[in-house]
Amino acid sequence: MIRYKSSRQLSISEFKMPFEAKLDENNRWVVLSKIVPWEEFARLYYKNFKSNRGAPTKDARLVLGVIIIKHIMKTDDRGVIEMIQENPYMQYFLGLEAFTYEQVMTPSLLVSIRKRIDLDVFESLTDDLIRKGLKLKYFFVIQHLLEQQESMYKKKSHQVEDRIVSIHQPHVRPIVRGKAKAKTEFGAKINISLLDGYARVDHFDWDAFNEGQDLQAQVERFRELTGKYPELVQVDKIYLTRENRRFLKEKRIRYTGEPLGQKPVKEIKSGYQKRKERREAAERNQVEGKFGQGKRGYGLNDIRARLATTSNSWIGAIIFVMNLIRYMRDIPLSYFVSFLSKLMKVRNINIYPLGPQMKLCA
């Protein structure tokens, strides 16, 4: 026989306490009682019971509540019944109308209850929580998006900090690039450096940032990796700030790029010097080529992960695979097969260049 009282009929003010005490609405058991899917569990739990035959069953909320308390408190069947017997907040969580000193059920009854509840019941409850969780996530994102739109409307502006452009991926930001093909791009911004063709991610962010701020840290990481500073740093103009130029000069590191101030008188250069400058400029272009390789060959421009954390992992894996292929080209095939078999047997591995390299591209 089914006996169930809807959880909607219970309120904290109606719960009767001894000595005219009152429950604290911020207590964890009171808060938790408002989010547990009691009605859904009751529907699934009573599915195999006859409504008018047999002995009365325990209330579905009481059954699920005891199970939840048992696992939160990490106790055995007898221990959870004793805890409930002493705790008015737990009794409220179970749906009781008043505090009682009696046991809500015998500990042995929990064994029979577990036999009636299979995995599918809890899987269904989990699916219900996931659906509600997604709706809750979208609610907060849409609420923040509305605040941004309202702020821009009042200020008569088209700009706002941390602008949301995707409800499903609120971490994605518009990044102004100023290119003819695409003035604004969406996605993560990555700053990499090349050491003899191997790419290292030096800065990763979903918000726009100035790459020039990373140069000194990139040079220091090069020294940590190889044991010495690079002989030459090949960088774009955005890196050559006064501070960075002074830093490179102090470390006695050559760099590509025009000097600041008035252009010097054009000097006569030998054929060797011209070829050397052209070669060094071409080597700087390898950074852009590395991004192109990642986009065309490995889908770096087609990241299909929805979360920021999983997108980070996806991008990191692509960079690692490109370095792995680069490493394969540097060693004999037989050695690579042996190396790959060892790589599959270990969990964590760091791959470094075979020797100290003297050039850094950023």
Protein backbone atom coordinates (compact mmCIF):
# COMPACT_ATOMS: atom_id res chain seq x y z
CA MET A 1 0.00 0.00 0.00
CA ILE A 2 1.34 3.43 -0.98
CA ARG A 3 1.49 6.16 1.64
CA TYR A 4 3.03 9.46 0.57
CA LYS A 5 2.73 13.09 1.58
CA SER A 6 3.78 15.68 -0.99
CA SER A 7 6.91 17.60 -0.03
CA ARG A 8 5.20 20.83 -1.10
CA GLN A 9 2.97 20.70 2.00
CA LEU A 10 5.91 21.07 4.39
CA SER A 11 7.18 24.46 5.59
CA ILE A 12 9.85 25.35 8.11
CA SER A 13 7.46 27.43 10.24
CA GLU A 14 5.07 24.50 10.66
CA PHE A 15 7.69 22.12 11.99
CA LYS A 16 7.04 21.66 15.72
CA MET A 17 10.09 21.80 17.98
CA PRO A 18 10.43 21.12 21.72
CA PHE A 19 10.92 24.09 24.08
CA GLU A 20 9.37 26.43 21.45
CA ALA A 21 12.65 26.48 19.53
CA LYS A 22 12.78 27.44 15.85
CA LEU A 23 14.76 26.02 12.96
CA ASP A 24 17.44 28.05 11.19
CA GLU A 25 16.49 28.42 7.53
CA ASN A 26 20.20 28.61 6.56
CA ASN A 27 20.99 25.19 8.01
CA ARG A 28 22.41 22.84 5.35
CA TRP A 29 19.63 20.26 5.80
CA VAL A 30 16.95 22.93 5.36
CA VAL A 31 18.69 24.25 2.23
CA LEU A 32 19.23 20.75 0.84
CA SER A 33 15.56 19.84 1.40
CA LYS A 34 14.56 22.49 -1.15
CA ILE A 35 16.60 21.07 -4.03
CA VAL A 36 16.19 17.29 -3.71
CA PRO A 37 13.81 15.97 -6.43
CA TRP A 38 11.40 14.36 -3.94
CA GLU A 39 8.42 14.18 -6.31
CA GLU A 40 10.42 12.54 -9.10
CA PHE A 41 11.79 9.93 -6.69
CA ALA A 42 8.30 9.20 -5.35
CA ARG A 43 7.03 8.60 -8.90
CA LEU A 44 9.86 6.14 -9.62
CA TYR A 45 9.82 4.49 -6.19
CA TYR A 46 6.08 3.76 -6.14
CA LYS A 47 6.00 2.47 -9.72
CA ASN A 48 6.18 -1.19 -8.62
CA PHE A 49 3.85 -0.89 -5.60
CA LYS A 50 0.14 -1.64 -5.51
CA SER A 51 -1.86 1.34 -4.30
CA ASN A 52 -4.45 -0.64 -2.31
CA ARG A 53 -2.77 -3.92 -1.40
CA GLY A 54 -0.21 -5.00 1.21
CA ALA A 55 1.16 -3.26 4.28
CA PRO A 56 1.67 0.52 4.10
CA THR A 57 5.08 1.49 2.70
CA LYS A 58 7.42 4.03 4.20
CA ASP A 59 7.02 7.52 2.80
CA ALA A 60 9.20 8.00 -0.31
CA ARG A 61 10.72 11.20 1.05
CA LEU A 62 11.62 9.43 4.28
CA VAL A 63 13.27 6.61 2.32
CA LEU A 64 15.37 8.85 0.05
CA GLY A 65 16.18 11.23 2.89
CA VAL A 66 17.62 8.48 5.09
CA ILE A 67 19.77 7.24 2.19
CA ILE A 68 21.09 10.76 1.51
CA ILE A 69 21.90 11.42 5.18
CA LYS A 70 23.64 8.04 5.49
CA HIS A 71 26.05 8.78 2.64
CA ILE A 72 26.66 12.43 3.51
CA MET A 73 27.50 11.51 7.11
CA LYS A 74 29.43 8.38 6.00
CA THR A 75 27.89 6.13 8.64
CA ASP A 76 26.30 2.68 8.79
CA ASP A 77 22.58 1.81 8.89
CA ARG A 78 22.32 1.82 12.67
CA GLY A 79 24.36 5.02 12.99
CA VAL A 80 22.20 7.01 10.57
CA ILE A 81 18.98 6.07 12.40
CA GLU A 82 20.51 7.18 15.71
CA MET A 83 21.67 10.49 14.18
CA ILE A 84 18.20 11.21 12.83
CA GLN A 85 16.69 10.34 16.21
CA GLU A 86 18.76 13.11 17.84
CA ASN A 87 18.71 15.81 15.13
CA PRO A 88 15.61 17.97 14.42
CA TYR A 89 17.13 19.35 11.20
CA MET A 90 17.51 15.85 9.80
CA GLN A 91 13.92 15.06 10.77
CA TYR A 92 12.73 18.19 8.97
CA PHE A 93 14.78 17.09 5.95
CA LEU A 94 12.88 13.78 6.00
CA GLY A 95 9.54 15.59 5.86
CA LEU A 96 8.36 15.03 9.43
CA GLU A 97 5.90 17.57 10.84
CA ALA A 98 7.30 17.57 14.37
CA PHE A 99 10.38 16.46 16.25
CA THR A 100 10.16 12.91 17.60
CA TYR A 101 12.39 10.84 19.87
CA GLU A 102 11.31 7.62 18.16
CA GLN A 103 13.20 5.86 15.37
CA VAL A 104 11.96 6.79 11.90
CA MET A 105 12.54 3.18 10.84
CA THR A 106 14.46 0.12 11.98
CA PRO A 107 18.04 -0.18 10.66
CA SER A 108 17.26 -3.59 9.14
CA LEU A 109 14.56 -2.03 6.96
CA LEU A 110 17.23 -0.17 4.98
CA VAL A 111 18.43 -3.49 3.55
CA SER A 112 14.97 -4.20 2.12
CA ILE A 113 14.68 -0.64 0.80
CA ARG A 114 17.96 -0.91 -1.13
CA LYS A 115 16.69 -4.08 -2.81
CA ARG A 116 13.71 -2.13 -4.17
CA ILE A 117 15.74 0.75 -5.60
CA ASP A 118 17.92 -0.13 -8.58
CA LEU A 119 20.56 1.90 -10.40
CA ASP A 120 18.09 3.19 -13.00
CA VAL A 121 16.22 5.16 -10.34
CA PHE A 122 19.30 7.12 -9.31
CA GLU A 123 20.38 7.54 -12.94
CA SER A 124 16.99 9.11 -13.67
CA LEU A 125 17.34 11.44 -10.68
CA THR A 126 20.83 12.40 -11.86
CA ASP A 127 19.50 13.21 -15.34
CA ASP A 128 16.85 15.40 -13.73
CA LEU A 129 19.51 17.29 -11.75
CA ILE A 130 21.64 17.75 -14.88
CA ARG A 131 18.72 19.27 -16.78
CA LYS A 132 17.96 21.64 -13.90
CA GLY A 133 21.66 22.49 -13.54
CA LEU A 134 21.93 23.45 -17.22
CA LYS A 135 18.84 25.64 -16.96
CA LEU A 136 20.28 27.29 -13.84
CA LYS A 137 23.59 27.92 -15.59
CA TYR A 138 21.88 29.50 -18.59
CA PHE A 139 19.70 31.57 -16.26
CA PHE A 140 22.73 33.23 -14.64
CA VAL A 141 24.43 33.75 -18.02
CA ILE A 142 21.31 35.34 -19.54
CA GLN A 143 20.84 37.50 -16.46
CA HIS A 144 24.43 38.80 -16.76
CA LEU A 145 23.96 39.29 -20.51
CA LEU A 146 20.83 41.35 -19.85
CA GLU A 147 22.75 43.54 -17.40
CA GLN A 148 25.46 44.14 -20.02
CA GLN A 149 22.91 45.07 -22.71
CA GLU A 150 21.06 47.37 -20.32
CA SER A 151 24.33 49.07 -19.31
CA MET A 152 25.31 49.71 -22.94
CA TYR A 153 21.82 51.05 -23.70
CA LYS A 154 21.92 53.52 -20.80
CA LYS A 155 25.47 54.67 -21.61
CA LYS A 156 24.73 54.72 -25.36
CA SER A 157 27.84 52.64 -25.89
CA HIS A 158 28.75 49.60 -27.97
CA GLN A 159 31.47 48.39 -25.60
CA VAL A 160 31.32 46.58 -22.27
CA GLU A 161 33.91 44.74 -20.19
CA ASP A 162 33.95 40.91 -20.46
CA ARG A 163 31.26 40.98 -23.13
CA ILE A 164 29.28 37.74 -23.50
CA VAL A 165 28.82 36.66 -27.11
CA SER A 166 27.65 33.07 -26.56
CA ILE A 167 25.14 31.80 -23.99
CA HIS A 168 26.47 28.25 -24.34
CA GLN A 169 30.12 29.39 -24.04
CA PRO A 170 30.12 32.51 -21.84
CA HIS A 171 33.93 32.35 -21.47
CA VAL A 172 34.45 33.25 -25.16
CA ARG A 173 35.29 36.91 -25.77
CA PRO A 174 35.46 39.02 -28.95
CA ILE A 175 39.07 39.89 -29.78
CA VAL A 176 39.62 42.83 -32.15
CA ARG A 177 42.37 41.94 -34.65
CA GLY A 178 41.97 44.69 -37.27
CA LYS A 179 42.51 42.29 -40.17
CA ALA A 180 40.89 42.94 -43.53
CA LYS A 181 39.31 39.49 -43.62
CA ALA A 182 38.08 39.43 -40.02
CA LYS A 183 38.23 42.57 -37.88
CA THR A 184 36.97 40.66 -34.85
CA GLU A 185 37.75 37.05 -33.95
CA PHE A 186 36.25 34.80 -31.28
CA GLY A 187 38.11 32.21 -29.24
CA ALA A 188 41.20 31.78 -27.13
CA LYS A 189 44.27 33.95 -27.69
CA ILE A 190 47.53 31.99 -27.59
CA ASN A 191 51.07 33.34 -27.42
CA ILE A 192 53.72 30.78 -28.37
CA SER A 193 57.49 30.73 -28.78
CA LEU A 194 59.51 28.43 -31.03
CA LEU A 195 62.71 26.69 -29.95
CA ASP A 196 64.26 24.98 -32.97
CA GLY A 197 60.79 24.34 -34.39
CA TYR A 198 59.20 23.18 -31.11
CA ALA A 199 56.24 25.27 -29.93
CA ARG A 200 55.71 26.27 -26.29
CA VAL A 201 52.53 27.96 -25.07
CA ASP A 202 53.68 30.96 -23.03
CA HIS A 203 50.36 32.74 -22.56
CA PHE A 204 46.83 31.40 -22.94
CA ASP A 205 43.74 33.48 -22.25
CA TRP A 206 40.17 33.92 -23.42
CA ASP A 207 40.53 37.69 -23.03
CA ALA A 208 42.68 39.93 -25.20
CA PHE A 209 46.18 40.70 -23.92
CA ASN A 210 49.35 42.47 -25.08
CA GLU A 211 51.92 39.91 -26.24
CA GLY A 212 54.77 42.34 -25.62
CA GLN A 213 54.41 41.85 -21.87
CA ASP A 214 55.45 38.20 -22.20
CA LEU A 215 58.86 38.61 -23.84
CA GLN A 216 61.02 38.78 -20.72
CA ALA A 217 59.29 35.76 -19.18
CA GLN A 218 59.75 33.84 -22.45
CA VAL A 219 63.47 34.58 -22.49
CA GLU A 220 63.85 33.50 -18.86
CA ARG A 221 61.99 30.24 -19.56
CA PHE A 222 64.36 29.63 -22.46
CA ARG A 223 67.30 29.98 -20.07
CA GLU A 224 65.69 27.57 -17.57
CA LEU A 225 65.19 25.03 -20.35
CA THR A 226 68.57 25.26 -22.08
CA GLY A 227 70.84 26.65 -19.36
CA LYS A 228 71.76 29.82 -21.26
CA TYR A 229 70.18 32.89 -22.84
CA PRO A 230 69.44 32.82 -26.58
CA GLU A 231 71.90 34.43 -28.95
CA LEU A 232 69.10 35.91 -31.06
CA VAL A 233 65.45 36.77 -30.36
CA GLN A 234 63.24 37.08 -33.45
CA VAL A 235 60.06 38.95 -32.60
CA ASP A 236 57.29 41.07 -34.07
CA LYS A 237 57.23 44.86 -33.61
CA ILE A 238 54.76 44.69 -30.74
CA TYR A 239 57.42 43.04 -28.57
CA LEU A 240 60.05 45.73 -29.10
CA THR A 241 59.05 48.20 -26.39
CA ARG A 242 61.68 50.38 -24.74
CA GLU A 243 61.63 48.20 -21.64
CA ASN A 244 62.08 44.99 -23.65
CA ARG A 245 64.88 46.51 -25.74
CA ARG A 246 66.67 47.56 -22.55
CA PHE A 247 66.22 44.06 -21.10
CA LEU A 248 67.65 42.38 -24.21
CA LYS A 249 70.57 44.81 -24.28
CA GLU A 250 71.41 44.06 -20.63
CA LYS A 251 71.42 40.33 -21.41
CA ARG A 252 73.51 40.92 -24.57
CA ILE A 253 70.87 39.30 -26.78
CA ARG A 254 70.54 40.32 -30.43
CA TYR A 255 67.03 40.91 -31.75
CA THR A 256 65.42 41.52 -35.11
CA GLY A 257 63.70 44.85 -35.71
CA GLU A 258 64.34 48.47 -36.53
CA PRO A 259 65.93 50.71 -33.86
CA LEU A 260 63.86 53.44 -32.20
CA GLY A 261 64.16 57.08 -33.21
CA GLN A 262 65.30 58.54 -36.51
CA LYS A 263 66.31 56.02 -39.11
CA PRO A 264 70.10 55.83 -39.52
CA VAL A 265 71.86 56.53 -42.78
CA LYS A 266 71.48 53.55 -45.05
CA GLU A 267 74.63 51.52 -44.73
CA ILE A 268 76.14 49.40 -47.43
CA LYS A 269 75.71 45.72 -46.56
CA SER A 270 77.49 42.76 -47.99
CA GLY A 271 75.65 39.97 -49.72
CA TYR A 272 76.22 37.76 -46.69
CA GLN A 273 74.62 40.31 -44.34
CA LYS A 274 71.58 40.70 -46.60
CA ARG A 275 71.08 36.96 -46.88
CA LYS A 276 71.46 36.60 -43.10
CA GLU A 277 68.83 39.27 -42.39
CA ARG A 278 66.42 37.74 -44.90
CA ARG A 279 66.94 34.30 -43.35
CA GLU A 280 66.35 35.60 -39.83
CA ALA A 281 63.19 37.44 -40.93
CA ALA A 282 61.94 34.26 -42.58
CA GLU A 283 62.60 32.30 -39.41
CA ARG A 284 60.35 34.72 -37.50
CA ASN A 285 57.55 33.86 -39.93
CA GLN A 286 57.71 30.26 -38.72
CA VAL A 287 55.59 31.31 -35.74
CA GLU A 288 52.70 32.26 -38.02
CA GLY A 289 53.38 29.11 -40.01
CA LYS A 290 53.05 27.03 -36.85
CA PHE A 291 49.58 28.47 -36.25
CA GLY A 292 48.71 27.74 -39.87
CA GLN A 293 49.94 24.17 -39.48
CA GLY A 294 47.78 23.75 -36.38
CA LYS A 295 44.69 25.11 -38.12
CA ARG A 296 45.04 23.26 -41.43
CA GLY A 297 46.44 19.97 -40.20
CA TYR A 298 45.10 19.53 -36.68
CA GLY A 299 41.92 21.59 -36.36
CA LEU A 300 43.27 24.35 -34.11
CA ASN A 301 40.57 26.63 -35.53
CA ASP A 302 37.83 24.05 -34.98
CA ILE A 303 37.79 23.42 -31.22
CA ARG A 304 34.50 21.66 -30.48
CA ALA A 305 34.76 21.43 -26.70
CA ARG A 306 32.12 23.54 -24.98
CA LEU A 307 33.78 24.20 -21.61
CA ALA A 308 36.75 26.48 -21.06
CA THR A 309 38.70 23.74 -19.25
CA THR A 310 38.10 21.10 -21.91
CA SER A 311 38.94 23.61 -24.66
CA ASN A 312 42.25 24.32 -22.91
CA SER A 313 43.00 20.60 -22.86
CA TRP A 314 42.02 20.23 -26.54
CA ILE A 315 44.35 23.05 -27.61
CA GLY A 316 47.20 21.78 -25.42
CA ALA A 317 46.87 18.33 -26.98
CA ILE A 318 47.13 19.77 -30.50
CA ILE A 319 50.32 21.69 -29.64
CA PHE A 320 51.80 18.55 -28.07
CA VAL A 321 50.96 16.42 -31.13
CA MET A 322 52.61 18.95 -33.46
CA ASN A 323 55.75 18.84 -31.31
CA LEU A 324 55.61 15.05 -31.31
CA ILE A 325 55.51 14.96 -35.12
CA ARG A 326 58.39 17.46 -35.21
CA TYR A 327 60.38 15.24 -32.86
CA MET A 328 59.69 12.22 -35.07
CA ARG A 329 61.31 13.99 -38.02
CA ASP A 330 64.49 14.59 -36.02
CA ILE A 331 65.14 10.96 -35.11
CA PRO A 332 65.34 7.64 -37.00
CA LEU A 333 62.03 5.83 -37.46
CA SER A 334 63.13 2.74 -35.52
CA TYR A 335 64.04 4.89 -32.50
CA PHE A 336 60.70 6.74 -32.70
CA VAL A 337 58.71 3.49 -32.65
CA SER A 338 60.62 2.42 -29.54
CA PHE A 339 60.07 5.84 -27.95
CA LEU A 340 56.34 5.82 -28.75
CA SER A 341 55.87 2.40 -27.16
CA LYS A 342 57.51 3.67 -23.96
CA LEU A 343 55.38 6.81 -24.05
CA MET A 344 52.21 4.73 -24.03
CA LYS A 345 53.32 2.92 -20.86
CA VAL A 346 53.86 5.97 -18.68
CA ARG A 347 51.36 8.50 -17.39
CA ASN A 348 53.39 11.71 -17.25
CA ILE A 349 56.29 12.69 -19.49
CA ASN A 350 58.06 15.93 -20.39
CA ILE A 351 59.84 16.13 -23.74
CA TYR A 352 62.69 18.60 -24.15
CA PRO A 353 64.92 19.45 -27.15
CA LEU A 354 67.99 17.28 -27.52
CA GLY A 355 70.43 20.10 -26.86
CA PRO A 356 70.58 23.82 -26.04
CA GLN A 357 69.24 25.90 -28.93
CA MET A 358 70.47 29.40 -29.61
CA LYS A 359 67.40 31.01 -31.19
CA LEU A 360 64.01 31.98 -29.81
CA CYS A 361 61.08 33.05 -31.98
CA ALA A 362 58.04 34.69 -30.42
